[in-house]
Full PDB file with SEQRES, HELIX, SHEET, SSBOND, CRYST1, ORIGX, SCALE, CONECT and MASTER records, all heavy atoms in Angstrom:
SEQRES   1 A   40  GLY LEU LEU SER ILE ARG GLN VAL HIS GLN TYR VAL ASN          
SEQRES   2 A   40  ASN ASN THR PRO GLU CYS ARG GLY ARG ARG MET PHE THR          
SEQRES   3 A   40  SER ARG LEU ILE TRP ASN CYS HIS TYR ASN GLN LYS LEU          
SEQRES   4 A   40  ALA                                                          
HELIX    1 AA1 ILE A    5  ASN A   15  1                                  11    
HELIX    2 AA2 ARG A   20  LEU A   39  1                                  20    
CRYST1    1.000    1.000    1.000  90.00  90.00  90.00 P 1           1          
ORIGX1      1.000000  0.000000  0.000000        0.00000                         
ORIGX2      0.000000  1.000000  0.000000        0.00000                         
ORIGX3      0.000000  0.000000  1.000000        0.00000                         
SCALE1      1.000000  0.000000  0.000000        0.00000                         
SCALE2      0.000000  1.000000  0.000000        0.00000                         
SCALE3      0.000000  0.000000  1.000000        0.00000                         
ATOM      1  N   GLY A   1       0.423  -3.230 -13.632  1.00  0.00           N  
ATOM      2  CA  GLY A   1      -0.280  -4.314 -12.966  1.00  0.00           C  
ATOM      3  C   GLY A   1       0.499  -5.599 -12.843  1.00  0.00           C  
ATOM      4  O   GLY A   1      -0.090  -6.671 -12.719  1.00  0.00           O  
ATOM      5  N   LEU A   2       1.832  -5.555 -12.863  1.00  0.00           N  
ATOM      6  CA  LEU A   2       2.602  -6.757 -12.598  1.00  0.00           C  
ATOM      7  C   LEU A   2       2.447  -7.172 -11.133  1.00  0.00           C  
ATOM      8  O   LEU A   2       2.565  -8.354 -10.803  1.00  0.00           O  
ATOM      9  CB  LEU A   2       4.083  -6.552 -12.931  1.00  0.00           C  
ATOM     10  CG  LEU A   2       4.439  -6.627 -14.427  1.00  0.00           C  
ATOM     11  CD1 LEU A   2       4.069  -5.336 -15.140  1.00  0.00           C  
ATOM     12  CD2 LEU A   2       5.923  -6.920 -14.616  1.00  0.00           C  
ATOM     13  N   LEU A   3       2.219  -6.191 -10.279  1.00  0.00           N  
ATOM     14  CA  LEU A   3       1.867  -6.418  -8.884  1.00  0.00           C  
ATOM     15  C   LEU A   3       0.596  -5.643  -8.589  1.00  0.00           C  
ATOM     16  O   LEU A   3       0.392  -4.552  -9.132  1.00  0.00           O  
ATOM     17  CB  LEU A   3       2.975  -5.933  -7.943  1.00  0.00           C  
ATOM     18  CG  LEU A   3       4.328  -6.647  -8.001  1.00  0.00           C  
ATOM     19  CD1 LEU A   3       5.345  -5.892  -7.145  1.00  0.00           C  
ATOM     20  CD2 LEU A   3       4.210  -8.097  -7.551  1.00  0.00           C  
ATOM     21  N   SER A   4      -0.245  -6.178  -7.717  1.00  0.00           N  
ATOM     22  CA  SER A   4      -1.415  -5.425  -7.287  1.00  0.00           C  
ATOM     23  C   SER A   4      -1.095  -4.674  -6.002  1.00  0.00           C  
ATOM     24  O   SER A   4      -0.192  -5.062  -5.246  1.00  0.00           O  
ATOM     25  CB  SER A   4      -2.614  -6.352  -7.063  1.00  0.00           C  
ATOM     26  OG  SER A   4      -2.473  -7.099  -5.861  1.00  0.00           O  
ATOM     27  N   ILE A   5      -1.836  -3.610  -5.772  1.00  0.00           N  
ATOM     28  CA  ILE A   5      -1.669  -2.853  -4.530  1.00  0.00           C  
ATOM     29  C   ILE A   5      -1.900  -3.768  -3.326  1.00  0.00           C  
ATOM     30  O   ILE A   5      -1.175  -3.721  -2.333  1.00  0.00           O  
ATOM     31  CB  ILE A   5      -2.658  -1.670  -4.497  1.00  0.00           C  
ATOM     32  CG1 ILE A   5      -2.351  -0.669  -5.617  1.00  0.00           C  
ATOM     33  CG2 ILE A   5      -2.620  -0.972  -3.134  1.00  0.00           C  
ATOM     34  CD1 ILE A   5      -1.046   0.062  -5.478  1.00  0.00           C  
ATOM     35  N   ARG A   6      -2.895  -4.623  -3.430  1.00  0.00           N  
ATOM     36  CA  ARG A   6      -3.215  -5.503  -2.306  1.00  0.00           C  
ATOM     37  C   ARG A   6      -2.105  -6.526  -2.060  1.00  0.00           C  
ATOM     38  O   ARG A   6      -1.764  -6.807  -0.899  1.00  0.00           O  
ATOM     39  CB  ARG A   6      -4.544  -6.210  -2.549  1.00  0.00           C  
ATOM     40  CG  ARG A   6      -4.924  -7.171  -1.434  1.00  0.00           C  
ATOM     41  CD  ARG A   6      -6.388  -7.511  -1.434  1.00  0.00           C  
ATOM     42  NE  ARG A   6      -6.841  -8.095  -2.692  1.00  0.00           N  
ATOM     43  CZ  ARG A   6      -8.123  -8.359  -2.945  1.00  0.00           C  
ATOM     44  NH1 ARG A   6      -9.051  -8.086  -2.053  1.00  0.00           N  
ATOM     45  NH2 ARG A   6      -8.479  -8.890  -4.104  1.00  0.00           N  
ATOM     46  N   GLN A   7      -1.532  -7.082  -3.119  1.00  0.00           N  
ATOM     47  CA  GLN A   7      -0.433  -8.019  -2.942  1.00  0.00           C  
ATOM     48  C   GLN A   7       0.698  -7.381  -2.139  1.00  0.00           C  
ATOM     49  O   GLN A   7       1.229  -7.987  -1.202  1.00  0.00           O  
ATOM     50  CB  GLN A   7       0.121  -8.457  -4.302  1.00  0.00           C  
ATOM     51  CG  GLN A   7      -0.671  -9.510  -5.032  1.00  0.00           C  
ATOM     52  CD  GLN A   7      -0.011  -9.836  -6.351  1.00  0.00           C  
ATOM     53  OE1 GLN A   7       0.031  -9.016  -7.273  1.00  0.00           O  
ATOM     54  NE2 GLN A   7       0.522 -11.055  -6.458  1.00  0.00           N  
ATOM     55  N   VAL A   8       1.075  -6.172  -2.516  1.00  0.00           N  
ATOM     56  CA  VAL A   8       2.197  -5.501  -1.859  1.00  0.00           C  
ATOM     57  C   VAL A   8       1.824  -5.101  -0.440  1.00  0.00           C  
ATOM     58  O   VAL A   8       2.617  -5.248   0.491  1.00  0.00           O  
ATOM     59  CB  VAL A   8       2.648  -4.282  -2.688  1.00  0.00           C  
ATOM     60  CG1 VAL A   8       3.683  -3.458  -1.923  1.00  0.00           C  
ATOM     61  CG2 VAL A   8       3.204  -4.743  -4.033  1.00  0.00           C  
ATOM     62  N   HIS A   9       0.612  -4.595  -0.250  1.00  0.00           N  
ATOM     63  CA  HIS A   9       0.167  -4.190   1.080  1.00  0.00           C  
ATOM     64  C   HIS A   9       0.241  -5.374   2.040  1.00  0.00           C  
ATOM     65  O   HIS A   9       0.763  -5.254   3.167  1.00  0.00           O  
ATOM     66  CB  HIS A   9      -1.261  -3.654   0.998  1.00  0.00           C  
ATOM     67  CG  HIS A   9      -1.753  -2.976   2.236  1.00  0.00           C  
ATOM     68  ND1 HIS A   9      -2.289  -3.674   3.299  1.00  0.00           N  
ATOM     69  CD2 HIS A   9      -1.784  -1.661   2.600  1.00  0.00           C  
ATOM     70  CE1 HIS A   9      -2.633  -2.834   4.250  1.00  0.00           C  
ATOM     71  NE2 HIS A   9      -2.344  -1.603   3.846  1.00  0.00           N  
ATOM     72  N   GLN A  10      -0.249  -6.517   1.630  1.00  0.00           N  
ATOM     73  CA  GLN A  10      -0.248  -7.681   2.505  1.00  0.00           C  
ATOM     74  C   GLN A  10       1.164  -8.229   2.704  1.00  0.00           C  
ATOM     75  O   GLN A  10       1.520  -8.653   3.814  1.00  0.00           O  
ATOM     76  CB  GLN A  10      -1.179  -8.755   1.938  1.00  0.00           C  
ATOM     77  CG  GLN A  10      -2.645  -8.333   1.957  1.00  0.00           C  
ATOM     78  CD  GLN A  10      -3.588  -9.414   1.452  1.00  0.00           C  
ATOM     79  OE1 GLN A  10      -3.171 -10.533   1.148  1.00  0.00           O  
ATOM     80  NE2 GLN A  10      -4.872  -9.078   1.346  1.00  0.00           N  
ATOM     81  N   TYR A  11       1.969  -8.206   1.657  1.00  0.00           N  
ATOM     82  CA  TYR A  11       3.344  -8.709   1.798  1.00  0.00           C  
ATOM     83  C   TYR A  11       4.130  -7.847   2.785  1.00  0.00           C  
ATOM     84  O   TYR A  11       4.863  -8.371   3.629  1.00  0.00           O  
ATOM     85  CB  TYR A  11       4.046  -8.720   0.440  1.00  0.00           C  
ATOM     86  CG  TYR A  11       5.440  -9.301   0.502  1.00  0.00           C  
ATOM     87  CD1 TYR A  11       5.638 -10.676   0.392  1.00  0.00           C  
ATOM     88  CD2 TYR A  11       6.556  -8.481   0.691  1.00  0.00           C  
ATOM     89  CE1 TYR A  11       6.914 -11.217   0.464  1.00  0.00           C  
ATOM     90  CE2 TYR A  11       7.829  -9.012   0.762  1.00  0.00           C  
ATOM     91  CZ  TYR A  11       8.006 -10.382   0.650  1.00  0.00           C  
ATOM     92  OH  TYR A  11       9.278 -10.913   0.733  1.00  0.00           O  
ATOM     93  N   VAL A  12       3.975  -6.538   2.678  1.00  0.00           N  
ATOM     94  CA  VAL A  12       4.703  -5.636   3.580  1.00  0.00           C  
ATOM     95  C   VAL A  12       4.243  -5.843   5.016  1.00  0.00           C  
ATOM     96  O   VAL A  12       5.061  -5.939   5.945  1.00  0.00           O  
ATOM     97  CB  VAL A  12       4.513  -4.169   3.140  1.00  0.00           C  
ATOM     98  CG1 VAL A  12       5.007  -3.206   4.221  1.00  0.00           C  
ATOM     99  CG2 VAL A  12       5.249  -3.914   1.829  1.00  0.00           C  
ATOM    100  N   ASN A  13       2.937  -5.924   5.240  1.00  0.00           N  
ATOM    101  CA  ASN A  13       2.437  -6.109   6.605  1.00  0.00           C  
ATOM    102  C   ASN A  13       2.839  -7.456   7.193  1.00  0.00           C  
ATOM    103  O   ASN A  13       3.045  -7.577   8.404  1.00  0.00           O  
ATOM    104  CB  ASN A  13       0.906  -5.975   6.625  1.00  0.00           C  
ATOM    105  CG  ASN A  13       0.457  -4.528   6.623  1.00  0.00           C  
ATOM    106  OD1 ASN A  13       1.193  -3.634   7.040  1.00  0.00           O  
ATOM    107  ND2 ASN A  13      -0.741  -4.281   6.133  1.00  0.00           N  
ATOM    108  N   ASN A  14       2.971  -8.459   6.336  1.00  0.00           N  
ATOM    109  CA  ASN A  14       3.313  -9.792   6.825  1.00  0.00           C  
ATOM    110  C   ASN A  14       4.805 -10.024   6.994  1.00  0.00           C  
ATOM    111  O   ASN A  14       5.211 -11.006   7.637  1.00  0.00           O  
ATOM    112  CB  ASN A  14       2.754 -10.863   5.874  1.00  0.00           C  
ATOM    113  CG  ASN A  14       1.239 -10.913   5.868  1.00  0.00           C  
ATOM    114  OD1 ASN A  14       0.597 -10.504   6.829  1.00  0.00           O  
ATOM    115  ND2 ASN A  14       0.664 -11.401   4.776  1.00  0.00           N  
ATOM    116  N   ASN A  15       5.621  -9.135   6.426  1.00  0.00           N  
ATOM    117  CA  ASN A  15       7.060  -9.405   6.414  1.00  0.00           C  
ATOM    118  C   ASN A  15       7.909  -8.277   6.982  1.00  0.00           C  
ATOM    119  O   ASN A  15       9.138  -8.313   6.842  1.00  0.00           O  
ATOM    120  CB  ASN A  15       7.518  -9.707   4.983  1.00  0.00           C  
ATOM    121  CG  ASN A  15       6.974 -11.012   4.450  1.00  0.00           C  
ATOM    122  OD1 ASN A  15       7.530 -12.071   4.707  1.00  0.00           O  
ATOM    123  ND2 ASN A  15       5.870 -10.931   3.706  1.00  0.00           N  
ATOM    124  N   THR A  16       7.281  -7.299   7.623  1.00  0.00           N  
ATOM    125  CA  THR A  16       8.046  -6.226   8.249  1.00  0.00           C  
ATOM    126  C   THR A  16       7.507  -5.970   9.648  1.00  0.00           C  
ATOM    127  O   THR A  16       6.315  -6.174   9.906  1.00  0.00           O  
ATOM    128  CB  THR A  16       7.952  -4.914   7.446  1.00  0.00           C  
ATOM    129  OG1 THR A  16       6.583  -4.498   7.383  1.00  0.00           O  
ATOM    130  CG2 THR A  16       8.489  -5.086   6.048  1.00  0.00           C  
ATOM    131  N   PRO A  17       8.368  -5.524  10.552  1.00  0.00           N  
ATOM    132  CA  PRO A  17       7.880  -5.166  11.886  1.00  0.00           C  
ATOM    133  C   PRO A  17       7.084  -3.878  11.833  1.00  0.00           C  
ATOM    134  O   PRO A  17       7.251  -3.058  10.913  1.00  0.00           O  
ATOM    135  CB  PRO A  17       9.179  -4.989  12.685  1.00  0.00           C  
ATOM    136  CG  PRO A  17      10.188  -4.580  11.662  1.00  0.00           C  
ATOM    137  CD  PRO A  17       9.828  -5.324  10.411  1.00  0.00           C  
ATOM    138  N   GLU A  18       6.202  -3.676  12.790  1.00  0.00           N  
ATOM    139  CA  GLU A  18       5.448  -2.422  12.871  1.00  0.00           C  
ATOM    140  C   GLU A  18       6.438  -1.289  13.134  1.00  0.00           C  
ATOM    141  O   GLU A  18       7.211  -1.326  14.077  1.00  0.00           O  
ATOM    142  CB  GLU A  18       4.415  -2.513  13.993  1.00  0.00           C  
ATOM    143  CG  GLU A  18       3.251  -1.531  13.855  1.00  0.00           C  
ATOM    144  CD  GLU A  18       3.649  -0.087  14.161  1.00  0.00           C  
ATOM    145  OE1 GLU A  18       4.557   0.099  15.000  1.00  0.00           O  
ATOM    146  OE2 GLU A  18       3.065   0.827  13.561  1.00  0.00           O  
ATOM    147  N   CYS A  19       6.427  -0.302  12.259  1.00  0.00           N  
ATOM    148  CA  CYS A  19       7.356   0.821  12.393  1.00  0.00           C  
ATOM    149  C   CYS A  19       6.821   1.983  11.578  1.00  0.00           C  
ATOM    150  O   CYS A  19       5.875   1.852  10.799  1.00  0.00           O  
ATOM    151  CB  CYS A  19       8.763   0.445  11.923  1.00  0.00           C  
ATOM    152  SG  CYS A  19       8.876   0.012  10.161  1.00  0.00           S  
ATOM    153  N   ARG A  20       7.440   3.133  11.761  1.00  0.00           N  
ATOM    154  CA  ARG A  20       6.990   4.329  11.048  1.00  0.00           C  
ATOM    155  C   ARG A  20       7.131   4.161   9.541  1.00  0.00           C  
ATOM    156  O   ARG A  20       6.264   4.589   8.770  1.00  0.00           O  
ATOM    157  CB  ARG A  20       7.799   5.532  11.521  1.00  0.00           C  
ATOM    158  CG  ARG A  20       7.343   6.841  10.878  1.00  0.00           C  
ATOM    159  CD  ARG A  20       8.070   8.036  11.497  1.00  0.00           C  
ATOM    160  NE  ARG A  20       7.618   9.252  10.860  1.00  0.00           N  
ATOM    161  CZ  ARG A  20       8.422  10.130  10.262  1.00  0.00           C  
ATOM    162  NH1 ARG A  20       9.719   9.904  10.228  1.00  0.00           N  
ATOM    163  NH2 ARG A  20       7.937  11.216   9.705  1.00  0.00           N  
ATOM    164  N   GLY A  21       8.208   3.526   9.094  1.00  0.00           N  
ATOM    165  CA  GLY A  21       8.398   3.325   7.664  1.00  0.00           C  
ATOM    166  C   GLY A  21       7.286   2.504   7.056  1.00  0.00           C  
ATOM    167  O   GLY A  21       6.800   2.807   5.967  1.00  0.00           O  
ATOM    168  N   ARG A  22       6.853   1.458   7.767  1.00  0.00           N  
ATOM    169  CA  ARG A  22       5.768   0.640   7.250  1.00  0.00           C  
ATOM    170  C   ARG A  22       4.472   1.429   7.197  1.00  0.00           C  
ATOM    171  O   ARG A  22       3.716   1.348   6.214  1.00  0.00           O  
ATOM    172  CB  ARG A  22       5.581  -0.610   8.114  1.00  0.00           C  
ATOM    173  CG  ARG A  22       4.620  -1.610   7.495  1.00  0.00           C  
ATOM    174  CD  ARG A  22       4.521  -2.877   8.312  1.00  0.00           C  
ATOM    175  NE  ARG A  22       3.516  -2.774   9.369  1.00  0.00           N  
ATOM    176  CZ  ARG A  22       3.154  -3.788  10.161  1.00  0.00           C  
ATOM    177  NH1 ARG A  22       3.764  -4.963  10.029  1.00  0.00           N  
ATOM    178  NH2 ARG A  22       2.238  -3.632  11.086  1.00  0.00           N  
ATOM    179  N   ARG A  23       4.192   2.207   8.238  1.00  0.00           N  
ATOM    180  CA  ARG A  23       2.955   2.998   8.242  1.00  0.00           C  
ATOM    181  C   ARG A  23       2.951   4.021   7.116  1.00  0.00           C  
ATOM    182  O   ARG A  23       1.935   4.212   6.437  1.00  0.00           O  
ATOM    183  CB  ARG A  23       2.781   3.694   9.599  1.00  0.00           C  
ATOM    184  CG  ARG A  23       2.511   2.760  10.756  1.00  0.00           C  
ATOM    185  CD  ARG A  23       2.028   3.516  11.978  1.00  0.00           C  
ATOM    186  NE  ARG A  23       2.970   4.510  12.453  1.00  0.00           N  
ATOM    187  CZ  ARG A  23       3.954   4.264  13.312  1.00  0.00           C  
ATOM    188  NH1 ARG A  23       4.143   3.029  13.765  1.00  0.00           N  
ATOM    189  NH2 ARG A  23       4.757   5.231  13.716  1.00  0.00           N  
ATOM    190  N   MET A  24       4.071   4.674   6.906  1.00  0.00           N  
ATOM    191  CA  MET A  24       4.129   5.680   5.849  1.00  0.00           C  
ATOM    192  C   MET A  24       3.964   5.046   4.474  1.00  0.00           C  
ATOM    193  O   MET A  24       3.249   5.571   3.614  1.00  0.00           O  
ATOM    194  CB  MET A  24       5.445   6.450   5.929  1.00  0.00           C  
ATOM    195  CG  MET A  24       5.533   7.391   7.114  1.00  0.00           C  
ATOM    196  SD  MET A  24       7.086   8.314   7.134  1.00  0.00           S  
ATOM    197  CE  MET A  24       6.899   9.263   5.641  1.00  0.00           C  
ATOM    198  N   PHE A  25       4.619   3.914   4.257  1.00  0.00           N  
ATOM    199  CA  PHE A  25       4.547   3.291   2.940  1.00  0.00           C  
ATOM    200  C   PHE A  25       3.147   2.757   2.659  1.00  0.00           C  
ATOM    201  O   PHE A  25       2.595   2.969   1.568  1.00  0.00           O  
ATOM    202  CB  PHE A  25       5.576   2.166   2.818  1.00  0.00           C  
ATOM    203  CG  PHE A  25       5.484   1.442   1.504  1.00  0.00           C  
ATOM    204  CD1 PHE A  25       5.890   2.060   0.326  1.00  0.00           C  
ATOM    205  CD2 PHE A  25       4.969   0.154   1.432  1.00  0.00           C  
ATOM    206  CE1 PHE A  25       5.793   1.401  -0.897  1.00  0.00           C  
ATOM    207  CE2 PHE A  25       4.865  -0.505   0.216  1.00  0.00           C  
ATOM    208  CZ  PHE A  25       5.278   0.120  -0.945  1.00  0.00           C  
ATOM    209  N   THR A  26       2.553   2.062   3.610  1.00  0.00           N  
ATOM    210  CA  THR A  26       1.209   1.524   3.378  1.00  0.00           C  
ATOM    211  C   THR A  26       0.178   2.637   3.220  1.00  0.00           C  
ATOM    212  O   THR A  26      -0.816   2.474   2.501  1.00  0.00           O  
ATOM    213  CB  THR A  26       0.792   0.567   4.503  1.00  0.00           C  
ATOM    214  OG1 THR A  26       0.938   1.218   5.777  1.00  0.00           O  
ATOM    215  CG2 THR A  26       1.646  -0.693   4.482  1.00  0.00           C  
ATOM    216  N   SER A  27       0.415   3.788   3.852  1.00  0.00           N  
ATOM    217  CA  SER A  27      -0.499   4.914   3.630  1.00  0.00           C  
ATOM    218  C   SER A  27      -0.417   5.391   2.190  1.00  0.00           C  
ATOM    219  O   SER A  27      -1.418   5.801   1.599  1.00  0.00           O  
ATOM    220  CB  SER A  27      -0.191   6.067   4.590  1.00  0.00           C  
ATOM    221  OG  SER A  27       1.000   6.748   4.220  1.00  0.00           O  
ATOM    222  N   ARG A  28       0.759   5.317   1.595  1.00  0.00           N  
ATOM    223  CA  ARG A  28       0.904   5.723   0.203  1.00  0.00           C  
ATOM    224  C   ARG A  28       0.233   4.740  -0.751  1.00  0.00           C  
ATOM    225  O   ARG A  28      -0.208   5.123  -1.836  1.00  0.00           O  
ATOM    226  CB  ARG A  28       2.388   5.914  -0.124  1.00  0.00           C  
ATOM    227  CG  ARG A  28       2.889   7.277   0.348  1.00  0.00           C  
ATOM    228  CD  ARG A  28       4.373   7.306   0.651  1.00  0.00           C  
ATOM    229  NE  ARG A  28       4.772   8.665   1.012  1.00  0.00           N  
ATOM    230  CZ  ARG A  28       4.523   9.233   2.185  1.00  0.00           C  
ATOM    231  NH1 ARG A  28       3.880   8.557   3.132  1.00  0.00           N  
ATOM    232  NH2 ARG A  28       4.909  10.475   2.435  1.00  0.00           N  
ATOM    233  N   LEU A  29       0.161   3.494  -0.357  1.00  0.00           N  
ATOM    234  CA  LEU A  29      -0.607   2.539  -1.164  1.00  0.00           C  
ATOM    235  C   LEU A  29      -2.084   2.922  -1.167  1.00  0.00           C  
ATOM    236  O   LEU A  29      -2.779   2.785  -2.184  1.00  0.00           O  
ATOM    237  CB  LEU A  29      -0.425   1.122  -0.619  1.00  0.00           C  
ATOM    238  CG  LEU A  29       0.992   0.543  -0.665  1.00  0.00           C  
ATOM    239  CD1 LEU A  29       1.004  -0.871  -0.094  1.00  0.00           C  
ATOM    240  CD2 LEU A  29       1.555   0.557  -2.076  1.00  0.00           C  
ATOM    241  N   ILE A  30      -2.557   3.417  -0.031  1.00  0.00           N  
ATOM    242  CA  ILE A  30      -3.950   3.873   0.042  1.00  0.00           C  
ATOM    243  C   ILE A  30      -4.144   5.122  -0.800  1.00  0.00           C  
ATOM    244  O   ILE A  30      -5.172   5.283  -1.471  1.00  0.00           O  
ATOM    245  CB  ILE A  30      -4.356   4.108   1.505  1.00  0.00           C  
ATOM    246  CG1 ILE A  30      -4.304   2.786   2.273  1.00  0.00           C  
ATOM    247  CG2 ILE A  30      -5.750   4.726   1.600  1.00  0.00           C  
ATOM    248  CD1 ILE A  30      -4.530   2.919   3.760  1.00  0.00           C  
ATOM    249  N   TRP A  31      -3.150   6.017  -0.810  1.00  0.00           N  
ATOM    250  CA  TRP A  31      -3.255   7.205  -1.666  1.00  0.00           C  
ATOM    251  C   TRP A  31      -3.321   6.804  -3.136  1.00  0.00           C  
ATOM    252  O   TRP A  31      -3.992   7.459  -3.935  1.00  0.00           O  
ATOM    253  CB  TRP A  31      -2.075   8.139  -1.408  1.00  0.00           C  
ATOM    254  CG  TRP A  31      -2.178   8.861  -0.099  1.00  0.00           C  
ATOM    255  CD1 TRP A  31      -3.323   9.226   0.557  1.00  0.00           C  
ATOM    256  CD2 TRP A  31      -1.091   9.266   0.728  1.00  0.00           C  
ATOM    257  NE1 TRP A  31      -3.010   9.851   1.736  1.00  0.00           N  
ATOM    258  CE2 TRP A  31      -1.658   9.898   1.872  1.00  0.00           C  
ATOM    259  CE3 TRP A  31       0.289   9.177   0.629  1.00  0.00           C  
ATOM    260  CZ2 TRP A  31      -0.874  10.433   2.895  1.00  0.00           C  
ATOM    261  CZ3 TRP A  31       1.064   9.710   1.641  1.00  0.00           C  
ATOM    262  CH2 TRP A  31       0.481  10.329   2.767  1.00  0.00           C  
ATOM    263  N   ASN A  32      -2.602   5.753  -3.506  1.00  0.00           N  
ATOM    264  CA  ASN A  32      -2.682   5.268  -4.882  1.00  0.00           C  
ATOM    265  C   ASN A  32      -4.138   4.942  -5.227  1.00  0.00           C  
ATOM    266  O   ASN A  32      -4.645   5.350  -6.277  1.00  0.00           O  
ATOM    267  CB  ASN A  32      -1.785   4.028  -5.028  1.00  0.00           C  
ATOM    268  CG  ASN A  32      -1.769   3.480  -6.443  1.00  0.00           C  
ATOM    269  OD1 ASN A  32      -2.787   3.087  -6.994  1.00  0.00           O  
ATOM    270  ND2 ASN A  32      -0.587   3.431  -7.032  1.00  0.00           N  
ATOM    271  N   CYS A  33      -4.813   4.219  -4.326  1.00  0.00           N  
ATOM    272  CA  CYS A  33      -6.224   3.899  -4.547  1.00  0.00           C  
ATOM    273  C   CYS A  33      -7.075   5.164  -4.555  1.00  0.00           C  
ATOM    274  O   CYS A  33      -8.030   5.284  -5.340  1.00  0.00           O  
ATOM    275  CB  CYS A  33      -6.718   2.951  -3.452  1.00  0.00           C  
ATOM    276  SG  CYS A  33      -5.876   1.354  -3.403  1.00  0.00           S  
ATOM    277  N   HIS A  34      -6.745   6.096  -3.681  1.00  0.00           N  
ATOM    278  CA  HIS A  34      -7.500   7.346  -3.581  1.00  0.00           C  
ATOM    279  C   HIS A  34      -7.520   8.105  -4.905  1.00  0.00           C  
ATOM    280  O   HIS A  34      -8.576   8.540  -5.377  1.00  0.00           O  
ATOM    281  CB  HIS A  34      -6.876   8.211  -2.483  1.00  0.00           C  
ATOM    282  CG  HIS A  34      -7.262   9.654  -2.521  1.00  0.00           C  
ATOM    283  ND1 HIS A  34      -8.539  10.101  -2.251  1.00  0.00           N  
ATOM    284  CD2 HIS A  34      -6.522  10.759  -2.787  1.00  0.00           C  
ATOM    285  CE1 HIS A  34      -8.572  11.425  -2.348  1.00  0.00           C  
ATOM    286  NE2 HIS A  34      -7.365  11.839  -2.677  1.00  0.00           N  
ATOM    287  N   TYR A  35      -6.357   8.241  -5.540  1.00  0.00           N  
ATOM    288  CA  TYR A  35      -6.301   9.005  -6.779  1.00  0.00           C  
ATOM    289  C   TYR A  35      -6.954   8.250  -7.932  1.00  0.00           C  
ATOM    290  O   TYR A  35      -7.575   8.855  -8.812  1.00  0.00           O  
ATOM    291  CB  TYR A  35      -4.856   9.381  -7.111  1.00  0.00           C  
ATOM    292  CG  TYR A  35      -4.337  10.465  -6.197  1.00  0.00           C  
ATOM    293  CD1 TYR A  35      -3.315  10.218  -5.287  1.00  0.00           C  
ATOM    294  CD2 TYR A  35      -4.904  11.733  -6.211  1.00  0.00           C  
ATOM    295  CE1 TYR A  35      -2.864  11.210  -4.430  1.00  0.00           C  
ATOM    296  CE2 TYR A  35      -4.456  12.733  -5.356  1.00  0.00           C  
ATOM    297  CZ  TYR A  35      -3.436  12.461  -4.467  1.00  0.00           C  
ATOM    298  OH  TYR A  35      -2.998  13.438  -3.611  1.00  0.00           O  
ATOM    299  N   ASN A  36      -6.825   6.931  -7.945  1.00  0.00           N  
ATOM    300  CA  ASN A  36      -7.510   6.178  -8.992  1.00  0.00           C  
ATOM    301  C   ASN A  36      -9.016   6.171  -8.785  1.00  0.00           C  
ATOM    302  O   ASN A  36      -9.775   6.081  -9.750  1.00  0.00           O  
ATOM    303  CB  ASN A  36      -6.952   4.755  -9.063  1.00  0.00           C  
ATOM    304  CG  ASN A  36      -5.751   4.665  -9.984  1.00  0.00           C  
ATOM    305  OD1 ASN A  36      -5.885   4.706 -11.202  1.00  0.00           O  
ATOM    306  ND2 ASN A  36      -4.565   4.561  -9.399  1.00  0.00           N  
ATOM    307  N   GLN A  37      -9.466   6.279  -7.520  1.00  0.00           N  
ATOM    308  CA  GLN A  37     -10.898   6.430  -7.273  1.00  0.00           C  
ATOM    309  C   GLN A  37     -11.408   7.721  -7.898  1.00  0.00           C  
ATOM    310  O   GLN A  37     -12.530   7.775  -8.435  1.00  0.00           O  
ATOM    311  CB  GLN A  37     -11.179   6.432  -5.771  1.00  0.00           C  
ATOM    312  CG  GLN A  37     -12.655   6.568  -5.412  1.00  0.00           C  
ATOM    313  CD  GLN A  37     -13.460   5.346  -5.799  1.00  0.00           C  
ATOM    314  OE1 GLN A  37     -13.233   4.255  -5.286  1.00  0.00           O  
ATOM    315  NE2 GLN A  37     -14.419   5.524  -6.709  1.00  0.00           N  
ATOM    316  N   LYS A  38     -10.590   8.764  -7.859  1.00  0.00           N  
ATOM    317  CA  LYS A  38     -10.984  10.028  -8.475  1.00  0.00           C  
ATOM    318  C   LYS A  38     -11.254   9.850  -9.970  1.00  0.00           C  
ATOM    319  O   LYS A  38     -12.244  10.345 -10.511  1.00  0.00           O  
ATOM    320  CB  LYS A  38      -9.885  11.076  -8.272  1.00  0.00           C  
ATOM    321  CG  LYS A  38      -9.808  11.678  -6.885  1.00  0.00           C  
ATOM    322  CD  LYS A  38      -8.582  12.604  -6.797  1.00  0.00           C  
ATOM    323  CE  LYS A  38      -8.525  13.318  -5.454  1.00  0.00           C  
ATOM    324  NZ  LYS A  38      -9.083  14.671  -5.508  1.00  0.00           N  
ATOM    325  N   LEU A  39     -10.348   9.131 -10.659  1.00  0.00           N  
ATOM    326  CA  LEU A  39     -10.529   8.929 -12.090  1.00  0.00           C  
ATOM    327  C   LEU A  39     -11.720   8.017 -12.362  1.00  0.00           C  
ATOM    328  O   LEU A  39     -12.434   8.199 -13.355  1.00  0.00           O  
ATOM    329  CB  LEU A  39      -9.265   8.345 -12.718  1.00  0.00           C  
ATOM    330  CG  LEU A  39      -9.262   8.251 -14.244  1.00  0.00           C  
ATOM    331  CD1 LEU A  39      -9.372   9.637 -14.878  1.00  0.00           C  
ATOM    332  CD2 LEU A  39      -8.015   7.535 -14.744  1.00  0.00           C  
ATOM    333  N   ALA A  40     -11.941   7.040 -11.480  1.00  0.00           N  
ATOM    334  CA  ALA A  40     -13.120   6.180 -11.629  1.00  0.00           C  
ATOM    335  C   ALA A  40     -14.401   6.989 -11.454  1.00  0.00           C  
ATOM    336  O   ALA A  40     -15.414   6.725 -12.109  1.00  0.00           O  
ATOM    337  CB  ALA A  40     -13.065   5.035 -10.619  1.00  0.00           C  
TER     338      ALA A  40                                                      
MASTER        0    0    0    2    0    0    0    6  337    1    0    4          
END                                                                             
């Protein structure tokens, strides 16, 4: 928790051009939430 998923998601969207790499990476941030939702 030195960084939050939301902090990184917003930083990436605000500081990178729209591209396949950005879409793939931000989708993995959502998967992070998905798996933790399972444990919750």
